[in-house]
Amino acid sequence: MTATSARPGLTVVGIGAEGWAGLGEAGRRALRTAEVVLGGGRQLDLLPAELPAHRVSWPSPLLPALPGLLDAYADRRLAVLASGDPMWFGIGARIVELVGPDRVQILPHPSSISLACARLGWPVERVSVVSAVGRDLARVRRVLAPGRRILLLSADASAPSALAGLLTEAGYGASPLTVLASLGTGHEQRLDGTAQGWPHPSGDPLNVVAVHATAGPDAILRSTMPGLPDEAYAHDGALTKREARALALARLAPAPDELLWDVGAGSGSIGIEWLRAEPTCRAVAVEARADRAERIAGNASMLGVPELEVVVGRAPAVLAGLPTPDAVFVGGGLAAEGVLDACWAALAPGGRLVAHAVTIEGERELTIRAERLGGDLTRLGVERAAPLGGFTAWKPARALVQWAVVKPCR
């Protein structure tokens, strides 16, 4: 059954900044026949005054109120206005989640991303898109790399200047910036400059910022592959070191939309690199000490994943009520009674658990668990070249034991 035949009365209409003049016939028909139109105040003002539908402006905050609004008008012919393509960072995806794809018709309009790429001559598939609408601008840091083309969906008129400051701080001050405002209208505007010394004041709030990332000599390159240098993190010694971190992430195996618990998070490195590896993943960093929790949040922001959730409290008690994880890393707190039991019980079937131990007592605990539940035990020893008098010699780091196991599906 198609969405149109199942429920033609619920239609999400993509609309551009040019308003009614840019709509196709299907969108106009949906709005003409609607009894109720939901949308932002700016979008509703773009519609002709003679349309008979009752107009309802979005409340704030929108997302918590959306299910109730859809229920309230479930028996009416309903149209929902969305900026550009409703399924691209738009309200359309949330509505589909709530009512199902067979009960809603989506009528897309060219997105601001498509329009921006058309103006710039950039291939859309080679552009990294970051939204700052309701999201932290620090997310740009995750995609920064020399030569990368980035489009920022701005939250307001101040976003271009804020982005210019972030890029300059990160060593990308030489990056060319282009602000494209009111795309698709008869009064489009384009402003050009570089991040360092961005010359333009705040202007049109309806803007997209294009960045051609150009690294300066002080830029620090951060791959999204696991195993960032230890110096990428602020820490007090509670840090899963680079080689052990890469090995842990390989066994945790981040996959789209999955949730990680990083228990005893220390500096947050495992949760941070889990999120950097796959942008649709989620992660919760559990840390008993408030000072370390604050440091985790700072590390997450500096490394482009400010969405990392930080929970302060002692495991296993603090784990109760957290959403079911697809993967769990236990890097600290092995000595606390019940931590591994709670993590294993909470883990989704088919989920992965990885735990590290650097003490004999912790190693014994992991060995017992491996005998009972299976999985792999790996002993990791790393040696680094270091000065020894006037010579160079190998300096061994403290050995580490890793237990990695997959929870059976039944």
Protein backbone atom coordinates (compact mmCIF):
# COMPACT_ATOMS: atom_id res chain seq x y z
CA MET A 1 0.00 0.00 0.00
CA THR A 2 1.40 3.39 -0.93
CA ALA A 3 1.50 6.38 1.37
CA THR A 4 -0.80 8.28 -0.97
CA SER A 5 -3.55 5.64 -0.96
CA ALA A 6 -3.18 4.84 2.75
CA ARG A 7 -3.48 8.35 4.09
CA PRO A 8 -3.50 11.22 1.61
CA GLY A 9 -4.64 13.53 4.40
CA LEU A 10 -1.18 13.61 6.04
CA THR A 11 1.27 15.24 3.68
CA VAL A 12 4.64 16.78 4.42
CA VAL A 13 5.34 19.55 1.92
CA GLY A 14 8.89 20.75 1.38
CA ILE A 15 9.00 24.50 0.81
CA GLY A 16 11.87 26.81 -0.06
CA ALA A 17 12.60 30.38 0.94
CA GLU A 18 10.81 31.54 -2.22
CA GLY A 19 7.56 30.16 -0.82
CA TRP A 20 4.45 29.43 -2.89
CA ALA A 21 6.08 30.41 -6.19
CA GLY A 22 8.57 27.53 -5.92
CA LEU A 23 6.06 24.79 -5.12
CA GLY A 24 5.06 22.15 -7.65
CA GLU A 25 1.44 21.36 -8.36
CA ALA A 26 1.34 18.42 -5.95
CA GLY A 27 2.48 20.60 -3.07
CA ARG A 28 0.03 23.36 -3.92
CA ARG A 29 -2.81 20.86 -4.17
CA ALA A 30 -1.99 19.39 -0.77
CA LEU A 31 -2.06 22.85 0.81
CA ARG A 32 -5.25 23.91 -0.98
CA THR A 33 -7.14 20.83 0.19
CA ALA A 34 -5.72 20.71 3.72
CA GLU A 35 -7.96 21.53 6.66
CA VAL A 36 -4.98 22.21 8.93
CA VAL A 37 -1.43 23.31 8.07
CA LEU A 38 1.37 22.92 10.63
CA GLY A 39 4.67 24.76 10.26
CA GLY A 40 7.03 27.41 11.49
CA GLY A 41 5.76 30.95 11.60
CA ARG A 42 8.08 32.03 8.79
CA GLN A 43 6.94 29.18 6.58
CA LEU A 44 3.24 29.80 7.26
CA ASP A 45 3.70 33.45 6.31
CA LEU A 46 4.88 32.34 2.85
CA LEU A 47 1.46 30.88 2.01
CA PRO A 48 -1.26 32.85 0.19
CA ALA A 49 -3.78 34.48 2.50
CA GLU A 50 -6.71 32.91 0.62
CA LEU A 51 -5.83 29.32 1.56
CA PRO A 52 -8.73 28.07 3.70
CA ALA A 53 -6.74 25.81 6.06
CA HIS A 54 -6.38 26.57 9.75
CA ARG A 55 -2.74 27.45 10.39
CA VAL A 56 -0.95 26.16 13.48
CA SER A 57 2.53 27.40 14.31
CA TRP A 58 5.04 25.00 15.86
CA PRO A 59 5.37 25.20 19.64
CA SER A 60 8.75 25.33 21.35
CA PRO A 61 10.24 22.87 22.02
CA LEU A 62 8.81 21.14 18.97
CA LEU A 63 9.85 17.49 19.14
CA PRO A 64 8.22 16.64 22.50
CA ALA A 65 4.96 18.24 21.32
CA LEU A 66 4.90 16.65 17.84
CA PRO A 67 3.16 13.34 18.73
CA GLY A 68 0.34 15.19 20.47
CA LEU A 69 -0.11 17.57 17.55
CA LEU A 70 -0.35 14.73 15.04
CA ASP A 71 -2.84 12.92 17.25
CA ALA A 72 -4.93 16.06 17.72
CA TYR A 73 -5.43 16.43 13.97
CA ALA A 74 -5.44 12.75 13.02
CA ASP A 75 -9.01 12.97 11.68
CA ARG A 76 -8.36 16.09 9.60
CA ARG A 77 -6.69 16.57 6.24
CA LEU A 78 -3.31 17.69 7.48
CA ALA A 79 -0.34 19.31 5.73
CA VAL A 80 3.01 19.87 7.41
CA LEU A 81 5.46 22.44 6.06
CA ALA A 82 9.17 21.58 6.11
CA SER A 83 12.18 23.52 4.89
CA GLY A 84 13.53 22.11 1.63
CA ASP A 85 13.75 18.33 1.60
CA PRO A 86 11.76 17.08 4.65
CA MET A 87 13.90 13.92 4.83
CA TRP A 88 17.24 15.78 4.93
CA PHE A 89 17.78 17.01 8.49
CA GLY A 90 14.04 17.70 8.40
CA ILE A 91 10.82 17.07 10.29
CA GLY A 92 9.72 14.49 7.73
CA ALA A 93 11.97 11.77 9.13
CA ARG A 94 10.56 12.25 12.64
CA ILE A 95 6.98 12.14 11.38
CA VAL A 96 7.67 8.90 9.51
CA GLU A 97 9.08 7.42 12.74
CA LEU A 98 5.89 8.38 14.60
CA VAL A 99 3.18 7.34 12.13
CA GLY A 100 4.92 4.92 9.77
CA PRO A 101 5.96 5.38 6.12
CA ASP A 102 2.63 4.06 4.80
CA ARG A 103 0.60 6.81 6.50
CA VAL A 104 2.38 9.90 5.23
CA GLN A 105 3.15 11.38 1.84
CA ILE A 106 6.42 13.28 1.46
CA LEU A 107 6.73 15.97 -1.22
CA PRO A 108 10.37 17.08 -1.26
CA HIS A 109 11.72 20.41 -2.44
CA PRO A 110 15.37 21.05 -3.36
CA SER A 111 17.33 21.28 -0.12
CA SER A 112 19.60 24.18 0.76
CA ILE A 113 22.47 21.69 0.39
CA SER A 114 21.53 20.93 -3.22
CA LEU A 115 21.09 24.62 -3.99
CA ALA A 116 24.40 25.54 -2.35
CA CYS A 117 26.31 22.86 -4.26
CA ALA A 118 24.70 24.04 -7.49
CA ARG A 119 25.85 27.62 -6.84
CA LEU A 120 29.38 26.53 -5.88
CA GLY A 121 29.85 23.81 -8.50
CA TRP A 122 30.55 21.23 -5.78
CA PRO A 123 29.60 17.55 -6.27
CA VAL A 124 27.04 16.84 -3.54
CA GLU A 125 28.39 13.35 -2.84
CA ARG A 126 31.84 14.77 -2.01
CA VAL A 127 30.61 17.28 0.57
CA SER A 128 30.48 16.78 4.34
CA VAL A 129 27.29 18.28 5.77
CA VAL A 130 27.10 19.43 9.39
CA SER A 131 23.95 20.85 10.94
CA ALA A 132 24.20 23.48 13.66
CA VAL A 133 20.42 23.73 13.95
CA GLY A 134 19.74 22.62 17.50
CA ARG A 135 23.20 21.04 17.60
CA ASP A 136 26.62 22.03 18.89
CA LEU A 137 28.87 23.76 16.36
CA ALA A 138 31.80 21.73 17.73
CA ARG A 139 30.60 18.83 15.55
CA VAL A 140 32.49 20.51 12.69
CA ARG A 141 35.75 19.41 14.32
CA ARG A 142 35.04 15.77 13.53
CA VAL A 143 35.07 16.34 9.75
CA LEU A 144 37.97 18.81 9.58
CA ALA A 145 40.65 17.59 7.18
CA PRO A 146 42.82 19.33 4.56
CA GLY A 147 40.96 19.83 1.31
CA ARG A 148 37.58 18.73 2.67
CA ARG A 149 34.52 20.60 1.48
CA ILE A 150 32.07 21.26 4.29
CA LEU A 151 28.59 22.78 4.28
CA LEU A 152 27.23 24.06 7.56
CA LEU A 153 23.47 24.41 8.02
CA SER A 154 23.42 27.54 10.16
CA ALA A 155 21.17 27.98 13.16
CA ASP A 156 21.13 31.78 12.91
CA ALA A 157 22.91 34.85 11.60
CA SER A 158 25.81 34.49 14.05
CA ALA A 159 26.86 31.02 12.80
CA PRO A 160 29.32 32.17 10.08
CA SER A 161 31.36 34.24 12.53
CA ALA A 162 31.28 31.47 15.14
CA LEU A 163 32.43 28.95 12.55
CA ALA A 164 35.23 31.25 11.42
CA GLY A 165 36.44 31.44 15.02
CA LEU A 166 36.34 27.68 15.46
CA LEU A 167 38.29 27.09 12.25
CA THR A 168 40.93 29.64 13.20
CA GLU A 169 41.34 28.08 16.65
CA ALA A 170 41.76 24.65 15.04
CA GLY A 171 44.54 25.85 12.73
CA TYR A 172 42.33 26.19 9.65
CA GLY A 173 42.22 29.98 9.58
CA ALA A 174 43.29 30.10 5.92
CA SER A 175 40.14 28.25 4.85
CA PRO A 176 37.97 30.10 2.30
CA LEU A 177 34.41 30.65 3.56
CA THR A 178 31.32 31.43 1.51
CA VAL A 179 28.00 32.37 3.06
CA LEU A 180 24.99 31.73 0.83
CA ALA A 181 21.82 33.36 2.13
CA SER A 182 18.14 33.17 1.10
CA LEU A 183 18.86 30.47 -1.46
CA GLY A 184 16.18 30.04 -4.09
CA THR A 185 14.74 33.52 -3.69
CA GLY A 186 15.08 36.56 -5.89
CA HIS A 187 17.36 38.19 -3.33
CA GLU A 188 20.05 35.56 -2.82
CA GLN A 189 23.21 36.87 -1.23
CA ARG A 190 26.78 35.61 -1.34
CA LEU A 191 29.60 36.69 1.00
CA ASP A 192 33.18 35.49 0.62
CA GLY A 193 36.23 35.65 2.84
CA THR A 194 38.60 33.53 4.91
CA ALA A 195 38.05 32.17 8.39
CA GLN A 196 40.85 34.17 9.99
CA GLY A 197 39.73 37.77 10.07
CA TRP A 198 36.23 37.00 8.72
CA PRO A 199 35.20 40.49 7.54
CA HIS A 200 31.40 40.32 7.44
CA PRO A 201 28.94 41.16 10.24
CA SER A 202 25.94 38.97 11.02
CA GLY A 203 23.34 39.16 8.27
CA ASP A 204 20.57 36.93 6.96
CA PRO A 205 19.70 34.11 9.42
CA LEU A 206 18.71 31.84 6.52
CA ASN A 207 22.19 30.90 5.44
CA VAL A 208 24.47 28.01 4.57
CA VAL A 209 28.22 28.32 5.10
CA ALA A 210 30.60 26.62 2.69
CA VAL A 211 34.14 25.79 3.83
CA HIS A 212 37.04 24.55 1.74
CA ALA A 213 39.21 23.37 4.62
CA THR A 214 42.77 24.62 4.34
CA ALA A 215 45.19 23.50 7.04
CA GLY A 216 47.77 25.92 8.36
CA PRO A 217 51.15 24.92 9.82
CA ASP A 218 49.65 24.74 13.33
CA ALA A 219 46.72 22.51 12.33
CA ILE A 220 46.58 19.12 14.03
CA LEU A 221 45.24 16.36 11.79
CA ARG A 222 42.82 13.98 13.50
CA SER A 223 41.77 10.84 11.67
CA THR A 224 38.39 9.28 12.37
CA MET A 225 40.11 5.90 12.56
CA PRO A 226 40.50 4.56 16.13
CA GLY A 227 43.85 5.11 17.82
CA LEU A 228 44.27 8.87 18.16
CA PRO A 229 47.52 9.99 19.79
CA ASP A 230 47.37 10.05 23.58
CA GLU A 231 48.13 13.77 23.54
CA ALA A 232 44.78 14.39 21.81
CA TYR A 233 43.20 13.98 25.25
CA ALA A 234 43.31 16.02 28.42
CA HIS A 235 43.71 13.45 31.21
CA ASP A 236 45.10 12.78 34.67
CA GLY A 237 46.54 9.39 33.76
CA ALA A 238 43.16 7.66 33.47
CA LEU A 239 43.48 7.04 29.75
CA THR A 240 43.25 3.90 27.63
CA LYS A 241 46.49 4.19 25.69
CA ARG A 242 46.60 4.44 21.93
CA GLU A 243 47.41 0.84 21.00
CA ALA A 244 45.01 -0.64 23.55
CA ARG A 245 42.31 1.79 22.44
CA ALA A 246 42.64 0.80 18.79
CA LEU A 247 42.48 -2.88 19.72
CA ALA A 248 39.40 -2.29 21.90
CA LEU A 249 37.54 -0.37 19.19
CA ALA A 250 38.33 -3.11 16.68
CA ARG A 251 36.56 -5.63 18.93
CA LEU A 252 33.71 -3.27 19.87
CA ALA A 253 33.10 -2.82 16.12
CA PRO A 254 31.00 0.38 15.85
CA ALA A 255 28.03 -0.06 13.51
CA PRO A 256 25.32 2.43 12.44
CA ASP A 257 22.86 3.56 15.12
CA GLU A 258 24.42 1.43 17.86
CA LEU A 259 24.84 2.49 21.49
CA LEU A 260 28.02 2.05 23.55
CA TRP A 261 28.46 2.13 27.31
CA ASP A 262 31.97 3.25 28.28
CA VAL A 263 32.07 2.23 31.95
CA GLY A 264 34.80 3.79 34.05
CA ALA A 265 35.39 6.21 31.21
CA GLY A 266 38.36 8.11 32.67
CA SER A 267 39.11 10.60 29.90
CA GLY A 268 36.32 9.36 27.61
CA SER A 269 38.62 8.15 24.84
CA ILE A 270 36.74 4.94 23.99
CA GLY A 271 33.32 6.61 23.73
CA ILE A 272 34.79 9.52 21.78
CA GLU A 273 36.48 7.32 19.18
CA TRP A 274 33.40 5.12 18.92
CA LEU A 275 31.42 8.24 17.92
CA ARG A 276 34.13 9.54 15.59
CA ALA A 277 34.23 6.20 13.77
CA GLU A 278 30.50 6.16 12.92
CA PRO A 279 28.50 9.42 13.06
CA THR A 280 25.13 7.71 13.63
CA CYS A 281 26.36 5.90 16.75
CA ARG A 282 25.52 6.96 20.30
CA ALA A 283 27.61 6.61 23.43
CA VAL A 284 27.26 7.01 27.18
CA ALA A 285 30.40 7.63 29.24
CA VAL A 286 29.95 6.49 32.85
CA GLU A 287 32.40 8.04 35.30
CA ALA A 288 32.34 8.14 39.09
CA ARG A 289 34.43 11.30 39.52
CA ALA A 290 32.87 14.66 38.67
CA ASP A 291 36.20 16.25 37.71
CA ARG A 292 36.89 13.50 35.19
CA ALA A 293 33.33 13.73 33.86
CA GLU A 294 33.89 17.42 33.17
CA ARG A 295 37.15 16.59 31.42
CA ILE A 296 35.38 13.95 29.29
CA ALA A 297 32.87 16.55 28.08
CA GLY A 298 35.72 18.89 27.16
CA ASN A 299 37.56 16.17 25.25
CA ALA A 300 34.39 15.23 23.38
CA SER A 301 33.81 18.81 22.29
CA MET A 302 37.42 19.35 21.18
CA LEU A 303 37.32 16.15 19.13
CA GLY A 304 34.03 16.93 17.40
CA VAL A 305 31.57 14.66 19.22
CA PRO A 306 29.86 16.90 21.80
CA GLU A 307 26.84 14.58 21.67
CA LEU A 308 28.65 12.10 23.95
CA GLU A 309 26.41 11.66 27.00
CA VAL A 310 28.29 11.78 30.30
CA VAL A 311 26.72 10.12 33.36
CA VAL A 312 28.30 10.75 36.75
CA GLY A 313 27.99 7.93 39.28
CA ARG A 314 29.37 4.61 40.43
CA ALA A 315 28.72 1.42 38.54
CA PRO A 316 26.87 -0.85 38.79
CA ALA A 317 24.17 1.24 40.54
CA VAL A 318 24.31 4.10 38.04
CA LEU A 319 23.78 1.72 35.10
CA ALA A 320 20.18 1.02 36.06
CA GLY A 321 17.81 2.81 33.75
CA LEU A 322 20.31 3.49 30.98
CA PRO A 323 19.17 2.43 27.50
CA THR A 324 20.16 -1.06 26.35
CA PRO A 325 23.69 -1.05 24.92
CA ASP A 326 24.85 -2.78 21.76
CA ALA A 327 28.43 -2.70 23.02
CA VAL A 328 30.08 -2.21 26.41
CA PHE A 329 33.63 -1.28 27.31
CA VAL A 330 34.81 -1.70 30.89
CA GLY A 331 38.10 0.08 31.30
CA GLY A 332 37.80 1.01 34.95
CA GLY A 333 35.88 -0.24 37.95
CA LEU A 334 36.59 -3.94 37.50
CA ALA A 335 37.24 -4.16 41.22
CA ALA A 336 33.70 -2.99 42.03
CA GLU A 337 31.47 -5.96 42.75
CA GLY A 338 28.76 -6.62 40.20
CA VAL A 339 30.01 -4.33 37.41
CA LEU A 340 30.67 -7.05 34.83
CA ASP A 341 27.49 -8.90 35.82
CA ALA A 342 25.39 -5.75 35.34
CA CYS A 343 27.01 -4.95 32.01
CA TRP A 344 26.55 -8.49 30.70
CA ALA A 345 22.92 -8.59 31.82
CA ALA A 346 22.14 -5.26 30.15
CA LEU A 347 23.94 -6.02 26.88
CA ALA A 348 21.68 -6.66 23.89
CA PRO A 349 21.80 -10.14 22.32
CA GLY A 350 24.56 -10.18 19.73
CA GLY A 351 26.25 -7.28 21.51
CA ARG A 352 29.98 -7.04 22.21
CA LEU A 353 31.67 -6.61 25.57
CA VAL A 354 35.33 -5.68 25.93
CA ALA A 355 37.10 -5.33 29.27
CA HIS A 356 40.69 -4.42 30.12
CA ALA A 357 42.72 -5.32 33.18
CA VAL A 358 46.21 -4.24 34.23
CA THR A 359 46.32 -5.91 37.67
CA ILE A 360 46.66 -9.55 38.63
CA GLU A 361 43.30 -9.36 40.40
CA GLY A 362 41.62 -7.91 37.34
CA GLU A 363 43.26 -10.49 35.10
CA ARG A 364 41.96 -13.25 37.35
CA GLU A 365 38.44 -11.83 37.12
CA LEU A 366 38.57 -11.72 33.32
CA THR A 367 39.96 -15.26 33.14
CA ILE A 368 37.08 -16.58 35.25
CA ARG A 369 34.57 -14.78 33.02
CA ALA A 370 36.17 -16.11 29.87
CA GLU A 371 35.99 -19.67 31.21
CA ARG A 372 32.31 -19.19 32.02
CA LEU A 373 31.09 -17.14 29.05
CA GLY A 374 33.66 -17.72 26.32
CA GLY A 375 35.26 -15.05 24.23
CA ASP A 376 38.92 -14.24 23.65
CA LEU A 377 41.67 -13.33 26.07
CA THR A 378 44.52 -11.26 24.64
CA ARG A 379 47.63 -10.06 26.44
CA LEU A 380 48.99 -6.84 24.99
CA GLY A 381 52.55 -5.72 25.62
CA VAL A 382 53.89 -2.53 24.06
CA GLU A 383 57.49 -1.29 24.09
CA ARG A 384 58.57 2.16 23.01
CA ALA A 385 62.02 3.39 22.12
CA ALA A 386 63.33 5.79 24.77
CA PRO A 387 66.69 7.37 25.71
CA LEU A 388 68.96 5.27 27.93
CA GLY A 389 72.00 7.28 28.83
CA GLY A 390 73.59 8.22 25.54
CA PHE A 391 71.81 5.40 23.72
CA THR A 392 68.28 4.28 22.86
CA ALA A 393 66.54 1.25 24.34
CA TRP A 394 63.13 -0.33 24.48
CA LYS A 395 61.01 0.74 27.44
CA PRO A 396 58.10 -1.64 28.10
CA ALA A 397 54.69 -0.27 29.10
CA ARG A 398 52.56 -2.04 31.67
CA ALA A 399 51.06 -5.19 30.12
CA LEU A 400 47.31 -5.32 29.60
CA VAL A 401 44.85 -8.21 29.35
CA GLN A 402 41.78 -7.82 27.17
CA TRP A 403 38.66 -9.97 27.30
CA ALA A 404 36.39 -9.65 24.25
CA VAL A 405 33.14 -11.58 24.00
CA VAL A 406 29.92 -11.55 21.95
CA LYS A 407 26.66 -12.20 23.78
CA PRO A 408 24.72 -15.08 22.25
CA CYS A 409 21.51 -14.14 20.46
CA ARG A 410 19.62 -16.81 22.43
